[in-house]
Amino acid sequence: MPKAKSKPRLKLPPLETGQVWRMAELNLQVGVVGKLLIHYKLGKPDAVRIQNSCSPIGSVEKYLKKNKAVLV
């Protein structure tokens, strides 16, 4: 029984300061990337005020992959 070929996984580029990721309804702007944590702003594109957030890098990468984010 031959093995079925799986689709190659798309790797996200590494997160860097200043990147903007676009999703269906939100934009994620990367502020500062440290060893373990990332500071970012997540909000609608036309929002007046957007709060800053801080999360582990792994969880932000999972969130971007889950929501099919595109680097702008």
Protein backbone atom coordinates (compact mmCIF):
# COMPACT_ATOMS: atom_id res chain seq x y z
CA MET A 1 0.00 0.00 0.00
CA PRO A 2 1.69 3.25 -1.13
CA LYS A 3 1.91 6.21 1.20
CA ALA A 4 -0.16 9.25 0.36
CA LYS A 5 1.88 12.39 -0.08
CA SER A 6 0.99 15.10 2.37
CA LYS A 7 0.91 18.75 1.46
CA PRO A 8 3.99 20.68 2.51
CA ARG A 9 3.34 22.86 5.54
CA LEU A 10 3.60 26.58 5.02
CA LYS A 11 6.04 28.08 7.47
CA LEU A 12 5.40 31.54 8.76
CA PRO A 13 8.34 33.90 8.52
CA PRO A 14 9.92 34.67 11.91
CA LEU A 15 8.24 37.45 13.87
CA GLU A 16 10.16 40.73 13.77
CA THR A 17 9.61 44.23 15.09
CA GLY A 18 7.38 46.37 12.88
CA GLN A 19 5.62 43.58 10.99
CA VAL A 20 1.91 43.90 10.22
CA TRP A 21 -0.16 40.72 9.83
CA ARG A 22 -3.60 40.96 8.19
CA MET A 23 -6.44 38.59 9.01
CA ALA A 24 -10.10 38.60 7.96
CA GLU A 25 -11.23 41.40 10.29
CA LEU A 26 -8.14 42.29 12.34
CA ASN A 27 -4.58 43.51 11.98
CA LEU A 28 -1.77 42.45 14.31
CA GLN A 29 1.14 44.88 14.53
CA VAL A 30 4.30 43.51 16.13
CA GLY A 31 5.89 45.95 18.57
CA VAL A 32 8.89 44.30 20.25
CA VAL A 33 10.07 40.69 20.05
CA GLY A 34 12.04 39.35 23.00
CA LYS A 35 13.42 35.91 23.85
CA LEU A 36 10.12 34.54 25.14
CA LEU A 37 7.50 37.29 24.82
CA ILE A 38 6.15 39.51 22.08
CA HIS A 39 4.48 42.91 22.49
CA TYR A 40 1.82 43.55 19.86
CA LYS A 41 -1.30 45.52 18.98
CA LEU A 42 -4.36 43.61 17.77
CA GLY A 43 -7.34 45.52 16.44
CA LYS A 44 -9.50 46.48 13.51
CA PRO A 45 -7.72 48.36 10.70
CA ASP A 46 -9.66 51.62 11.18
CA ALA A 47 -9.69 51.60 15.00
CA VAL A 48 -8.81 54.84 16.80
CA ARG A 49 -7.30 53.26 19.91
CA ILE A 50 -5.74 49.82 20.09
CA GLN A 51 -4.51 48.30 23.33
CA ASN A 52 -1.03 46.82 23.66
CA SER A 53 -0.78 43.14 24.55
CA CYS A 54 2.03 40.84 25.63
CA SER A 55 2.01 37.06 25.00
CA PRO A 56 4.43 34.16 24.52
CA ILE A 57 5.80 33.94 20.98
CA GLY A 58 4.48 30.40 20.47
CA SER A 59 0.90 31.33 21.23
CA VAL A 60 0.99 34.32 18.86
CA GLU A 61 2.38 32.10 16.07
CA LYS A 62 -0.40 29.55 16.67
CA TYR A 63 -3.00 32.34 16.58
CA LEU A 64 -1.63 33.67 13.28
CA LYS A 65 -1.59 30.21 11.71
CA LYS A 66 -5.09 29.37 12.97
CA ASN A 67 -6.54 32.60 11.57
CA LYS A 68 -4.64 32.33 8.25
CA ALA A 69 -2.81 35.61 8.69
CA VAL A 70 -0.94 37.19 5.78
CA LEU A 71 2.17 39.32 6.23
CA VAL A 72 1.65 42.78 4.72
